[in-house]
């Protein structure tokens, strides 16, 4: 986690956290989640679904979010947890960890998608396409995406022959070709079909 404090005992009236994830689809690496409580006194211009932004714009907005948000936390579920639990449950776990890591307890958490993680310390509501509709969820999507991209650049430094700097773990033609050529590395998700098929080959 990039920020981690214990929840206060009671939620703070009016505080709303946006929660989103990054990295459900890739063949490698953890799934990341972020929770963000924006500060209405310091609005951040240009918040949007992270997928609709350039990498440079995401990084610039991420810096503003970390500076001006009333609270934020980035968390993850690792590859072993993904393989053990399945990607959906691992995503819910990462979201739960992100919410638990906030320094302030919101009165409500707005979750991108159609599912709400269990075990949250505050009420929550799922919002389909929330990353494009709710600024706090947009902010969470940006923090989760930039954190995961940074992780993938670290993977590239460790395993440069896979091209993680280009595909960020997604199952592109390049990534699949390198998987066939070199086989899976420790960061690959063994439970995902393209990786599992290679491991099961004679």
N, C-alpha and C. Protein backbone atom coordinates (compact mmCIF):
# COMPACT_ATOMS: atom_id res chain seq x y z
N UNK A 1 0.84 -1.20 0.00
CA UNK A 1 0.00 0.00 0.00
C UNK A 1 0.87 1.25 0.00
N UNK A 2 0.41 2.26 -0.68
CA UNK A 2 1.17 3.50 -0.75
C UNK A 2 0.79 4.46 0.36
N UNK A 3 -0.38 4.21 0.94
CA UNK A 3 -0.77 5.01 2.11
C UNK A 3 -1.54 4.05 3.01
N UNK A 4 -1.29 4.07 4.28
CA UNK A 4 -1.96 3.09 5.12
C UNK A 4 -2.08 3.62 6.54
N UNK A 5 -3.30 3.75 7.00
CA UNK A 5 -3.59 4.11 8.39
C UNK A 5 -4.82 3.36 8.82
N UNK A 6 -4.99 3.21 10.12
CA UNK A 6 -6.19 2.57 10.62
C UNK A 6 -7.39 3.49 10.45
N UNK A 7 -8.56 2.88 10.17
CA UNK A 7 -9.79 3.65 10.10
C UNK A 7 -10.09 4.28 11.46
N UNK A 8 -10.60 5.51 11.48
CA UNK A 8 -11.18 6.01 12.71
C UNK A 8 -12.44 5.23 13.04
N UNK A 9 -12.94 5.38 14.23
CA UNK A 9 -14.05 4.54 14.69
C UNK A 9 -15.35 4.81 13.94
N UNK A 10 -15.59 6.06 13.56
CA UNK A 10 -16.86 6.42 12.95
C UNK A 10 -16.63 7.08 11.59
N UNK A 11 -17.52 6.83 10.61
CA UNK A 11 -17.37 7.50 9.32
C UNK A 11 -17.58 9.00 9.45
N UNK A 12 -16.92 9.75 8.59
CA UNK A 12 -17.04 11.19 8.59
C UNK A 12 -18.14 11.62 7.63
N UNK A 13 -19.13 12.32 8.13
CA UNK A 13 -20.29 12.71 7.35
C UNK A 13 -19.87 13.48 6.11
N UNK A 14 -20.44 13.08 4.99
CA UNK A 14 -20.21 13.79 3.73
C UNK A 14 -19.02 13.30 2.94
N UNK A 15 -18.14 12.49 3.53
CA UNK A 15 -16.98 12.00 2.79
C UNK A 15 -17.38 10.82 1.90
N UNK A 16 -17.04 10.91 0.63
CA UNK A 16 -17.34 9.85 -0.33
C UNK A 16 -16.04 9.40 -0.97
N UNK A 17 -15.83 8.11 -0.99
CA UNK A 17 -14.63 7.55 -1.62
C UNK A 17 -15.02 6.93 -2.96
N UNK A 18 -14.21 7.16 -3.96
CA UNK A 18 -14.33 6.45 -5.22
C UNK A 18 -13.34 5.30 -5.24
N UNK A 19 -13.75 4.16 -5.79
CA UNK A 19 -12.91 2.96 -5.79
C UNK A 19 -12.91 2.34 -7.18
N UNK A 20 -11.73 2.01 -7.68
CA UNK A 20 -11.62 1.35 -8.98
C UNK A 20 -10.40 0.47 -9.01
N UNK A 21 -10.31 -0.36 -10.05
CA UNK A 21 -9.21 -1.30 -10.18
C UNK A 21 -8.51 -1.11 -11.52
N UNK A 22 -7.35 -1.72 -11.64
CA UNK A 22 -6.62 -1.79 -12.90
C UNK A 22 -5.92 -3.13 -12.97
N UNK A 23 -6.06 -3.79 -14.10
CA UNK A 23 -5.30 -5.02 -14.30
C UNK A 23 -6.06 -6.31 -14.12
N UNK A 24 -7.36 -6.30 -14.39
CA UNK A 24 -8.10 -7.58 -14.32
C UNK A 24 -7.76 -8.47 -15.51
N UNK A 25 -7.57 -7.88 -16.68
CA UNK A 25 -7.42 -8.67 -17.89
C UNK A 25 -6.04 -9.18 -18.23
N UNK A 26 -4.95 -8.56 -17.77
CA UNK A 26 -3.62 -8.99 -18.18
C UNK A 26 -3.28 -10.42 -17.80
N UNK A 27 -2.27 -10.94 -18.47
CA UNK A 27 -1.80 -12.30 -18.22
C UNK A 27 -0.74 -12.35 -17.13
N UNK A 28 -0.31 -11.18 -16.64
CA UNK A 28 0.78 -11.14 -15.67
C UNK A 28 0.59 -9.99 -14.70
N UNK A 29 1.19 -10.14 -13.54
CA UNK A 29 1.21 -9.07 -12.55
C UNK A 29 -0.01 -9.03 -11.66
N UNK A 30 0.08 -8.29 -10.55
CA UNK A 30 -1.05 -8.16 -9.62
C UNK A 30 -2.19 -7.37 -10.24
N UNK A 31 -3.35 -7.47 -9.61
CA UNK A 31 -4.44 -6.53 -9.89
C UNK A 31 -4.35 -5.43 -8.84
N UNK A 32 -4.42 -4.20 -9.28
CA UNK A 32 -4.31 -3.04 -8.39
C UNK A 32 -5.68 -2.42 -8.19
N UNK A 33 -5.88 -1.79 -7.03
CA UNK A 33 -7.10 -1.03 -6.76
C UNK A 33 -6.72 0.22 -6.01
N UNK A 34 -7.53 1.26 -6.17
CA UNK A 34 -7.31 2.50 -5.45
C UNK A 34 -8.62 3.01 -4.89
N UNK A 35 -8.53 3.72 -3.78
CA UNK A 35 -9.66 4.42 -3.18
C UNK A 35 -9.24 5.87 -2.98
N UNK A 36 -10.12 6.80 -3.37
CA UNK A 36 -9.78 8.22 -3.31
C UNK A 36 -10.95 9.01 -2.73
N UNK A 37 -10.65 9.89 -1.79
CA UNK A 37 -11.62 10.87 -1.28
C UNK A 37 -11.15 12.23 -1.77
N UNK A 38 -11.86 12.80 -2.72
CA UNK A 38 -11.48 14.10 -3.27
C UNK A 38 -11.81 15.22 -2.29
N UNK A 39 -11.12 16.34 -2.43
CA UNK A 39 -11.35 17.52 -1.61
C UNK A 39 -12.11 18.54 -2.45
N UNK A 40 -13.37 18.86 -2.10
CA UNK A 40 -14.13 19.82 -2.90
C UNK A 40 -13.51 21.22 -2.92
N UNK A 41 -12.65 21.52 -1.96
CA UNK A 41 -11.99 22.82 -1.94
C UNK A 41 -10.77 22.87 -2.88
N UNK A 42 -10.38 21.70 -3.40
CA UNK A 42 -9.25 21.63 -4.34
C UNK A 42 -9.65 20.76 -5.52
N UNK A 43 -10.56 21.26 -6.37
CA UNK A 43 -11.00 20.46 -7.52
C UNK A 43 -9.85 20.19 -8.48
N UNK A 44 -9.88 19.02 -9.09
CA UNK A 44 -8.85 18.62 -10.04
C UNK A 44 -9.48 18.58 -11.42
N UNK A 45 -9.01 19.41 -12.31
CA UNK A 45 -9.57 19.53 -13.65
C UNK A 45 -9.05 18.42 -14.54
N UNK A 46 -9.96 17.80 -15.30
CA UNK A 46 -9.53 16.82 -16.29
C UNK A 46 -9.66 15.37 -15.86
N UNK A 47 -10.26 15.11 -14.70
CA UNK A 47 -10.44 13.72 -14.27
C UNK A 47 -11.34 12.98 -15.26
N UNK A 48 -10.94 11.77 -15.61
CA UNK A 48 -11.69 10.96 -16.56
C UNK A 48 -11.26 9.51 -16.37
N UNK A 49 -11.98 8.62 -17.03
CA UNK A 49 -11.58 7.22 -17.04
C UNK A 49 -10.12 7.14 -17.48
N UNK A 50 -9.29 6.44 -16.72
CA UNK A 50 -7.86 6.41 -17.02
C UNK A 50 -7.57 5.88 -18.42
N UNK A 51 -8.43 5.00 -18.92
CA UNK A 51 -8.21 4.44 -20.26
C UNK A 51 -8.38 5.48 -21.35
N UNK A 52 -9.05 6.57 -21.05
CA UNK A 52 -9.29 7.62 -22.04
C UNK A 52 -8.20 8.68 -22.02
N UNK A 53 -7.19 8.51 -21.18
CA UNK A 53 -6.14 9.52 -21.01
C UNK A 53 -4.81 8.99 -21.53
N UNK A 54 -3.96 9.89 -21.98
CA UNK A 54 -2.61 9.49 -22.34
C UNK A 54 -1.81 9.18 -21.08
N UNK A 55 -0.73 8.46 -21.25
CA UNK A 55 0.11 8.11 -20.11
C UNK A 55 0.65 9.36 -19.42
N UNK A 56 1.05 10.36 -20.20
CA UNK A 56 1.57 11.59 -19.59
C UNK A 56 0.49 12.31 -18.80
N UNK A 57 -0.73 12.35 -19.35
CA UNK A 57 -1.82 13.02 -18.65
C UNK A 57 -2.18 12.26 -17.38
N UNK A 58 -2.18 10.95 -17.43
CA UNK A 58 -2.47 10.16 -16.22
C UNK A 58 -1.46 10.47 -15.13
N UNK A 59 -0.19 10.52 -15.49
CA UNK A 59 0.85 10.78 -14.48
C UNK A 59 0.68 12.16 -13.87
N UNK A 60 0.37 13.16 -14.70
CA UNK A 60 0.18 14.51 -14.18
C UNK A 60 -1.01 14.57 -13.23
N UNK A 61 -2.11 13.92 -13.61
CA UNK A 61 -3.29 13.91 -12.75
C UNK A 61 -3.04 13.11 -11.48
N UNK A 62 -2.31 12.02 -11.58
CA UNK A 62 -2.02 11.21 -10.40
C UNK A 62 -1.26 12.03 -9.36
N UNK A 63 -0.33 12.85 -9.81
CA UNK A 63 0.42 13.69 -8.88
C UNK A 63 -0.51 14.69 -8.18
N UNK A 64 -1.46 15.25 -8.93
CA UNK A 64 -2.41 16.18 -8.32
C UNK A 64 -3.33 15.47 -7.33
N UNK A 65 -3.76 14.27 -7.68
CA UNK A 65 -4.64 13.51 -6.78
C UNK A 65 -3.92 13.23 -5.46
N UNK A 66 -2.69 12.77 -5.56
CA UNK A 66 -1.93 12.48 -4.33
C UNK A 66 -1.69 13.74 -3.50
N UNK A 67 -1.58 14.88 -4.16
CA UNK A 67 -1.32 16.12 -3.44
C UNK A 67 -2.57 16.71 -2.81
N UNK A 68 -3.69 16.66 -3.52
CA UNK A 68 -4.87 17.42 -3.10
C UNK A 68 -6.01 16.58 -2.52
N UNK A 69 -6.02 15.30 -2.71
CA UNK A 69 -7.12 14.48 -2.19
C UNK A 69 -7.11 14.49 -0.66
N UNK A 70 -8.29 14.38 -0.07
CA UNK A 70 -8.39 14.29 1.39
C UNK A 70 -7.90 12.94 1.90
N UNK A 71 -7.94 11.95 1.05
CA UNK A 71 -7.44 10.63 1.41
C UNK A 71 -7.29 9.78 0.17
N UNK A 72 -6.28 8.92 0.15
CA UNK A 72 -6.11 7.99 -0.98
C UNK A 72 -5.28 6.79 -0.53
N UNK A 73 -5.50 5.71 -1.20
CA UNK A 73 -4.73 4.49 -0.93
C UNK A 73 -4.73 3.63 -2.18
N UNK A 74 -3.59 3.05 -2.49
CA UNK A 74 -3.45 2.08 -3.58
C UNK A 74 -3.06 0.74 -2.95
N UNK A 75 -3.74 -0.31 -3.37
CA UNK A 75 -3.48 -1.65 -2.84
C UNK A 75 -3.47 -2.65 -3.99
N UNK A 76 -3.16 -3.88 -3.69
CA UNK A 76 -3.11 -4.89 -4.75
C UNK A 76 -3.41 -6.27 -4.19
N UNK A 77 -3.75 -7.17 -5.11
CA UNK A 77 -3.77 -8.61 -4.82
C UNK A 77 -2.76 -9.24 -5.77
N UNK A 78 -1.86 -10.04 -5.24
CA UNK A 78 -0.74 -10.52 -6.05
C UNK A 78 -1.13 -11.71 -6.92
N UNK A 79 -0.18 -12.16 -7.72
CA UNK A 79 -0.44 -13.22 -8.70
C UNK A 79 -0.87 -14.51 -7.99
N UNK A 80 -0.24 -14.83 -6.87
CA UNK A 80 -0.61 -16.05 -6.14
C UNK A 80 -2.05 -15.97 -5.65
N UNK A 81 -2.47 -14.80 -5.19
CA UNK A 81 -3.86 -14.64 -4.75
C UNK A 81 -4.83 -14.72 -5.93
N UNK A 82 -4.44 -14.17 -7.06
CA UNK A 82 -5.28 -14.27 -8.26
C UNK A 82 -5.46 -15.73 -8.65
N UNK A 83 -4.36 -16.49 -8.66
CA UNK A 83 -4.45 -17.90 -9.06
C UNK A 83 -5.22 -18.73 -8.04
N UNK A 84 -5.14 -18.36 -6.78
CA UNK A 84 -5.83 -19.13 -5.75
C UNK A 84 -7.31 -18.79 -5.66
N UNK A 85 -7.65 -17.50 -5.79
CA UNK A 85 -9.02 -17.05 -5.53
C UNK A 85 -9.86 -16.93 -6.79
N UNK A 86 -9.28 -16.63 -7.90
CA UNK A 86 -9.78 -16.23 -9.22
C UNK A 86 -9.71 -14.70 -9.30
N UNK A 87 -9.73 -14.18 -10.52
CA UNK A 87 -9.45 -12.76 -10.72
C UNK A 87 -10.55 -11.88 -10.13
N UNK A 88 -11.81 -12.31 -10.18
CA UNK A 88 -12.88 -11.49 -9.62
C UNK A 88 -12.69 -11.32 -8.11
N UNK A 89 -12.49 -12.43 -7.40
CA UNK A 89 -12.36 -12.34 -5.95
C UNK A 89 -11.07 -11.62 -5.55
N UNK A 90 -10.02 -11.78 -6.34
CA UNK A 90 -8.78 -11.05 -6.05
C UNK A 90 -8.99 -9.55 -6.24
N UNK A 91 -9.77 -9.18 -7.25
CA UNK A 91 -10.08 -7.76 -7.47
C UNK A 91 -10.86 -7.20 -6.29
N UNK A 92 -11.85 -7.94 -5.82
CA UNK A 92 -12.62 -7.49 -4.65
C UNK A 92 -11.70 -7.35 -3.43
N UNK A 93 -10.74 -8.26 -3.29
CA UNK A 93 -9.81 -8.19 -2.17
C UNK A 93 -8.93 -6.94 -2.26
N UNK A 94 -8.45 -6.63 -3.46
CA UNK A 94 -7.64 -5.43 -3.64
C UNK A 94 -8.44 -4.17 -3.32
N UNK A 95 -9.70 -4.14 -3.75
CA UNK A 95 -10.56 -2.99 -3.45
C UNK A 95 -10.79 -2.86 -1.95
N UNK A 96 -11.03 -3.99 -1.30
CA UNK A 96 -11.23 -3.97 0.15
C UNK A 96 -9.98 -3.42 0.85
N UNK A 97 -8.80 -3.83 0.40
CA UNK A 97 -7.56 -3.35 1.00
C UNK A 97 -7.37 -1.85 0.76
N UNK A 98 -7.74 -1.39 -0.43
CA UNK A 98 -7.61 0.04 -0.72
C UNK A 98 -8.50 0.86 0.20
N UNK A 99 -9.73 0.42 0.39
CA UNK A 99 -10.64 1.13 1.29
C UNK A 99 -10.14 1.10 2.72
N UNK A 100 -9.63 -0.06 3.13
CA UNK A 100 -9.14 -0.20 4.51
C UNK A 100 -7.91 0.67 4.75
N UNK A 101 -7.18 1.01 3.71
CA UNK A 101 -5.98 1.79 3.87
C UNK A 101 -6.19 3.29 3.89
N UNK A 102 -7.42 3.75 3.69
CA UNK A 102 -7.69 5.19 3.75
C UNK A 102 -7.47 5.72 5.16
N UNK A 103 -6.93 6.90 5.26
CA UNK A 103 -6.67 7.50 6.57
C UNK A 103 -7.94 8.08 7.19
N UNK A 104 -9.00 8.25 6.38
CA UNK A 104 -10.27 8.75 6.89
C UNK A 104 -11.36 7.79 6.42
N UNK A 105 -12.33 7.53 7.29
CA UNK A 105 -13.40 6.60 6.95
C UNK A 105 -14.53 7.35 6.27
N UNK A 106 -14.81 7.06 5.01
CA UNK A 106 -15.89 7.76 4.32
C UNK A 106 -17.26 7.29 4.79
N UNK A 107 -18.25 8.13 4.53
CA UNK A 107 -19.63 7.73 4.82
C UNK A 107 -20.17 6.80 3.75
N UNK A 108 -19.55 6.82 2.57
CA UNK A 108 -20.00 6.01 1.44
C UNK A 108 -18.83 5.74 0.52
N UNK A 109 -18.78 4.51 -0.01
CA UNK A 109 -17.80 4.16 -1.04
C UNK A 109 -18.55 3.86 -2.33
N UNK A 110 -18.13 4.50 -3.41
CA UNK A 110 -18.72 4.28 -4.73
C UNK A 110 -17.75 3.41 -5.52
N UNK A 111 -18.22 2.23 -5.92
CA UNK A 111 -17.37 1.22 -6.54
C UNK A 111 -17.64 1.17 -8.03
N UNK A 112 -16.61 1.23 -8.84
CA UNK A 112 -16.81 1.08 -10.28
C UNK A 112 -17.22 -0.35 -10.61
N UNK A 113 -18.24 -0.49 -11.46
CA UNK A 113 -18.67 -1.82 -11.87
C UNK A 113 -20.03 -2.19 -11.32
N UNK A 114 -20.29 -3.48 -11.24
CA UNK A 114 -21.60 -3.95 -10.79
C UNK A 114 -21.53 -4.82 -9.54
N UNK A 115 -20.39 -4.81 -8.86
CA UNK A 115 -20.23 -5.60 -7.63
C UNK A 115 -19.59 -4.75 -6.54
N UNK A 116 -19.93 -5.08 -5.31
CA UNK A 116 -19.39 -4.37 -4.15
C UNK A 116 -18.56 -5.37 -3.33
N UNK A 117 -17.33 -5.02 -2.96
CA UNK A 117 -16.54 -5.92 -2.11
C UNK A 117 -17.22 -6.13 -0.76
N UNK A 118 -17.03 -7.31 -0.20
CA UNK A 118 -17.54 -7.57 1.14
C UNK A 118 -16.55 -7.04 2.17
N UNK A 119 -17.02 -6.89 3.39
CA UNK A 119 -16.14 -6.55 4.50
C UNK A 119 -15.70 -5.11 4.57
N UNK A 120 -16.36 -4.21 3.84
CA UNK A 120 -16.00 -2.80 3.93
C UNK A 120 -16.51 -2.21 5.24
N UNK A 121 -15.81 -1.19 5.71
CA UNK A 121 -16.18 -0.56 6.99
C UNK A 121 -17.22 0.54 6.83
N UNK A 122 -17.70 0.75 5.60
CA UNK A 122 -18.71 1.77 5.35
C UNK A 122 -19.69 1.25 4.30
N UNK A 123 -20.86 1.85 4.17
CA UNK A 123 -21.78 1.46 3.10
C UNK A 123 -21.14 1.70 1.74
N UNK A 124 -21.58 0.93 0.74
CA UNK A 124 -21.01 1.06 -0.59
C UNK A 124 -22.09 0.85 -1.65
N UNK A 125 -21.84 1.43 -2.81
CA UNK A 125 -22.76 1.27 -3.93
C UNK A 125 -21.95 1.09 -5.21
N UNK A 126 -22.35 0.14 -6.03
CA UNK A 126 -21.70 -0.09 -7.31
C UNK A 126 -22.29 0.82 -8.37
N UNK A 127 -21.44 1.34 -9.25
CA UNK A 127 -21.89 2.21 -10.33
C UNK A 127 -21.23 1.74 -11.63
N UNK A 128 -22.03 1.23 -12.54
CA UNK A 128 -21.53 0.77 -13.83
C UNK A 128 -21.00 1.97 -14.61
N UNK A 129 -19.79 1.81 -15.16
CA UNK A 129 -19.11 2.90 -15.88
C UNK A 129 -18.86 4.11 -14.98
N UNK A 130 -18.72 3.84 -13.70
CA UNK A 130 -18.48 4.92 -12.75
C UNK A 130 -17.18 5.66 -13.00
N UNK A 131 -16.20 5.00 -13.62
CA UNK A 131 -14.93 5.67 -13.87
C UNK A 131 -15.07 6.82 -14.87
N UNK A 132 -16.15 6.82 -15.64
CA UNK A 132 -16.40 7.92 -16.57
C UNK A 132 -17.45 8.89 -16.05
N UNK A 133 -18.12 8.54 -14.94
CA UNK A 133 -19.25 9.32 -14.46
C UNK A 133 -19.00 10.03 -13.14
N UNK A 134 -18.16 9.46 -12.30
CA UNK A 134 -17.97 9.96 -10.93
C UNK A 134 -16.51 10.38 -10.78
N UNK A 135 -16.24 11.66 -10.53
CA UNK A 135 -14.85 12.12 -10.45
C UNK A 135 -13.98 11.34 -9.46
N UNK A 136 -14.53 10.98 -8.31
CA UNK A 136 -13.71 10.24 -7.32
C UNK A 136 -13.33 8.87 -7.85
N UNK A 137 -14.24 8.23 -8.61
CA UNK A 137 -13.91 6.93 -9.20
C UNK A 137 -12.89 7.13 -10.33
N UNK A 138 -13.04 8.20 -11.11
CA UNK A 138 -12.03 8.51 -12.13
C UNK A 138 -10.65 8.66 -11.50
N UNK A 139 -10.61 9.37 -10.38
CA UNK A 139 -9.33 9.56 -9.69
C UNK A 139 -8.76 8.23 -9.23
N UNK A 140 -9.62 7.36 -8.72
CA UNK A 140 -9.15 6.04 -8.29
C UNK A 140 -8.63 5.24 -9.47
N UNK A 141 -9.31 5.33 -10.60
CA UNK A 141 -8.87 4.58 -11.78
C UNK A 141 -7.49 5.07 -12.23
N UNK A 142 -7.24 6.36 -12.11
CA UNK A 142 -5.95 6.93 -12.51
C UNK A 142 -4.84 6.45 -11.57
N UNK A 143 -5.08 6.47 -10.27
CA UNK A 143 -4.06 6.01 -9.33
C UNK A 143 -3.78 4.52 -9.51
N UNK A 144 -4.83 3.72 -9.70
CA UNK A 144 -4.63 2.28 -9.88
C UNK A 144 -3.85 2.00 -11.16
N UNK A 145 -4.22 2.67 -12.23
CA UNK A 145 -3.57 2.44 -13.53
C UNK A 145 -2.11 2.87 -13.50
N UNK A 146 -1.82 4.04 -12.96
CA UNK A 146 -0.42 4.50 -12.94
C UNK A 146 0.44 3.63 -12.03
N UNK A 147 -0.14 3.14 -10.94
CA UNK A 147 0.61 2.24 -10.05
C UNK A 147 0.91 0.93 -10.74
N UNK A 148 -0.06 0.39 -11.45
CA UNK A 148 0.18 -0.87 -12.15
C UNK A 148 1.16 -0.70 -13.30
N UNK A 149 1.05 0.41 -14.03
CA UNK A 149 1.99 0.65 -15.12
C UNK A 149 3.42 0.75 -14.58
N UNK A 150 3.58 1.42 -13.44
CA UNK A 150 4.91 1.51 -12.84
C UNK A 150 5.43 0.13 -12.46
N UNK A 151 4.53 -0.71 -11.93
CA UNK A 151 4.93 -2.08 -11.59
C UNK A 151 5.41 -2.81 -12.85
N UNK A 152 4.68 -2.64 -13.96
CA UNK A 152 5.04 -3.34 -15.19
C UNK A 152 6.37 -2.85 -15.75
N UNK A 153 6.71 -1.58 -15.54
CA UNK A 153 8.02 -1.10 -15.95
C UNK A 153 9.11 -1.77 -15.12
N UNK A 154 8.79 -2.05 -13.85
CA UNK A 154 9.73 -2.81 -13.03
C UNK A 154 9.89 -4.23 -13.54
N UNK A 155 8.78 -4.84 -13.98
CA UNK A 155 8.86 -6.18 -14.58
C UNK A 155 9.72 -6.15 -15.83
N UNK A 156 9.59 -5.09 -16.62
CA UNK A 156 10.39 -4.99 -17.84
C UNK A 156 11.88 -4.95 -17.51
N UNK A 157 12.24 -4.25 -16.45
CA UNK A 157 13.65 -4.20 -16.05
C UNK A 157 14.15 -5.58 -15.64
N UNK A 158 13.26 -6.37 -15.03
CA UNK A 158 13.65 -7.70 -14.55
C UNK A 158 13.59 -8.75 -15.65
N UNK A 159 12.59 -8.64 -16.53
CA UNK A 159 12.39 -9.61 -17.61
C UNK A 159 12.23 -8.88 -18.94
N UNK A 160 13.28 -8.25 -19.46
CA UNK A 160 13.13 -7.37 -20.63
C UNK A 160 12.67 -8.09 -21.90
N UNK A 161 12.93 -9.38 -22.02
CA UNK A 161 12.60 -10.09 -23.25
C UNK A 161 11.09 -10.26 -23.46
N UNK A 162 10.26 -10.02 -22.44
CA UNK A 162 8.81 -10.15 -22.63
C UNK A 162 8.16 -8.87 -23.17
N UNK A 163 8.82 -7.74 -23.06
CA UNK A 163 8.24 -6.50 -23.55
C UNK A 163 7.16 -5.90 -22.67
N UNK A 164 7.30 -6.05 -21.36
CA UNK A 164 6.28 -5.51 -20.45
C UNK A 164 6.15 -3.98 -20.56
N UNK A 165 7.21 -3.32 -21.02
CA UNK A 165 7.11 -1.86 -21.18
C UNK A 165 6.14 -1.47 -22.30
N UNK A 166 5.86 -2.40 -23.20
CA UNK A 166 4.96 -2.12 -24.32
C UNK A 166 3.53 -2.57 -24.06
N UNK A 167 3.37 -3.80 -23.57
CA UNK A 167 2.01 -4.34 -23.43
C UNK A 167 1.47 -4.31 -22.02
N UNK A 168 2.30 -3.99 -21.03
CA UNK A 168 1.88 -3.89 -19.63
C UNK A 168 1.18 -5.17 -19.13
N UNK A 169 1.55 -6.30 -19.69
CA UNK A 169 1.01 -7.57 -19.23
C UNK A 169 -0.21 -8.05 -19.98
N UNK A 170 -0.80 -7.22 -20.81
CA UNK A 170 -1.99 -7.63 -21.55
C UNK A 170 -1.62 -8.65 -22.63
N UNK A 171 -2.60 -9.42 -23.08
CA UNK A 171 -2.36 -10.52 -23.99
C UNK A 171 -2.26 -10.10 -25.44
N UNK A 172 -1.38 -9.18 -25.73
CA UNK A 172 -1.19 -8.73 -27.10
C UNK A 172 -0.48 -9.82 -27.91
N UNK A 173 -0.43 -9.60 -29.23
CA UNK A 173 0.27 -10.56 -30.09
C UNK A 173 1.74 -10.66 -29.69
N UNK A 174 2.35 -9.52 -29.38
CA UNK A 174 3.75 -9.54 -28.94
C UNK A 174 3.91 -10.35 -27.67
N UNK A 175 3.07 -10.10 -26.69
CA UNK A 175 3.19 -10.81 -25.41
C UNK A 175 2.99 -12.31 -25.59
N UNK A 176 1.99 -12.68 -26.35
CA UNK A 176 1.74 -14.12 -26.57
C UNK A 176 2.90 -14.78 -27.30
N UNK A 177 3.48 -14.06 -28.27
CA UNK A 177 4.62 -14.62 -28.99
C UNK A 177 5.81 -14.82 -28.06
N UNK A 178 6.06 -13.85 -27.19
CA UNK A 178 7.19 -13.97 -26.25
C UNK A 178 6.93 -15.07 -25.22
N UNK A 179 5.66 -15.24 -24.84
CA UNK A 179 5.31 -16.33 -23.93
C UNK A 179 5.64 -17.69 -24.56
N UNK A 180 5.30 -17.85 -25.83
CA UNK A 180 5.60 -19.10 -26.52
C UNK A 180 7.11 -19.30 -26.62
N UNK A 181 7.82 -18.21 -26.89
CA UNK A 181 9.27 -18.31 -27.09
C UNK A 181 10.01 -18.59 -25.80
N UNK A 182 9.62 -17.91 -24.72
CA UNK A 182 10.40 -17.98 -23.48
C UNK A 182 9.71 -18.75 -22.35
N UNK A 183 8.42 -19.02 -22.50
CA UNK A 183 7.68 -19.64 -21.42
C UNK A 183 7.31 -18.62 -20.36
N UNK A 184 6.43 -18.97 -19.42
CA UNK A 184 6.01 -18.03 -18.38
C UNK A 184 7.14 -17.70 -17.40
N UNK A 185 7.11 -16.48 -16.89
CA UNK A 185 8.01 -16.09 -15.81
C UNK A 185 7.22 -16.10 -14.50
N UNK A 186 7.86 -15.88 -13.36
CA UNK A 186 7.12 -15.94 -12.09
C UNK A 186 5.98 -14.94 -11.97
N UNK A 187 5.99 -13.89 -12.77
CA UNK A 187 4.93 -12.88 -12.69
C UNK A 187 3.68 -13.26 -13.47
N UNK A 188 3.73 -14.32 -14.25
CA UNK A 188 2.56 -14.69 -15.06
C UNK A 188 1.51 -15.42 -14.21
N UNK A 189 0.26 -15.18 -14.58
CA UNK A 189 -0.88 -15.77 -13.88
C UNK A 189 -1.14 -17.19 -14.39
N UNK A 190 -0.79 -18.15 -13.60
CA UNK A 190 -0.88 -19.56 -14.02
C UNK A 190 -2.31 -20.00 -14.31
N UNK A 191 -3.30 -19.35 -13.71
CA UNK A 191 -4.69 -19.76 -13.88
C UNK A 191 -5.31 -19.19 -15.16
N UNK A 192 -4.63 -18.28 -15.85
CA UNK A 192 -5.18 -17.70 -17.07
C UNK A 192 -4.88 -18.63 -18.24
N UNK A 193 -5.86 -18.82 -19.11
CA UNK A 193 -5.82 -19.88 -20.12
C UNK A 193 -4.56 -19.87 -20.99
N UNK A 194 -4.12 -18.74 -21.55
CA UNK A 194 -2.93 -18.81 -22.41
C UNK A 194 -1.68 -19.27 -21.67
N UNK A 195 -1.56 -18.87 -20.39
CA UNK A 195 -0.40 -19.29 -19.59
C UNK A 195 -0.57 -20.75 -19.20
N UNK A 196 -1.75 -21.12 -18.75
CA UNK A 196 -1.99 -22.51 -18.34
C UNK A 196 -1.74 -23.47 -19.49
N UNK A 197 -2.15 -23.09 -20.71
CA UNK A 197 -1.97 -23.96 -21.86
C UNK A 197 -0.50 -24.22 -22.13
N UNK A 198 0.33 -23.21 -21.97
CA UNK A 198 1.77 -23.40 -22.17
C UNK A 198 2.35 -24.31 -21.10
N UNK A 199 1.90 -24.15 -19.87
CA UNK A 199 2.41 -24.98 -18.78
C UNK A 199 2.00 -26.44 -18.94
N UNK A 200 0.89 -26.67 -19.60
CA UNK A 200 0.37 -28.04 -19.76
C UNK A 200 0.91 -28.73 -21.00
N UNK A 201 1.65 -28.00 -21.83
CA UNK A 201 2.19 -28.62 -23.04
C UNK A 201 3.25 -29.65 -22.69
N UNK A 202 3.32 -30.75 -23.44
CA UNK A 202 4.38 -31.75 -23.20
C UNK A 202 5.76 -31.12 -23.38
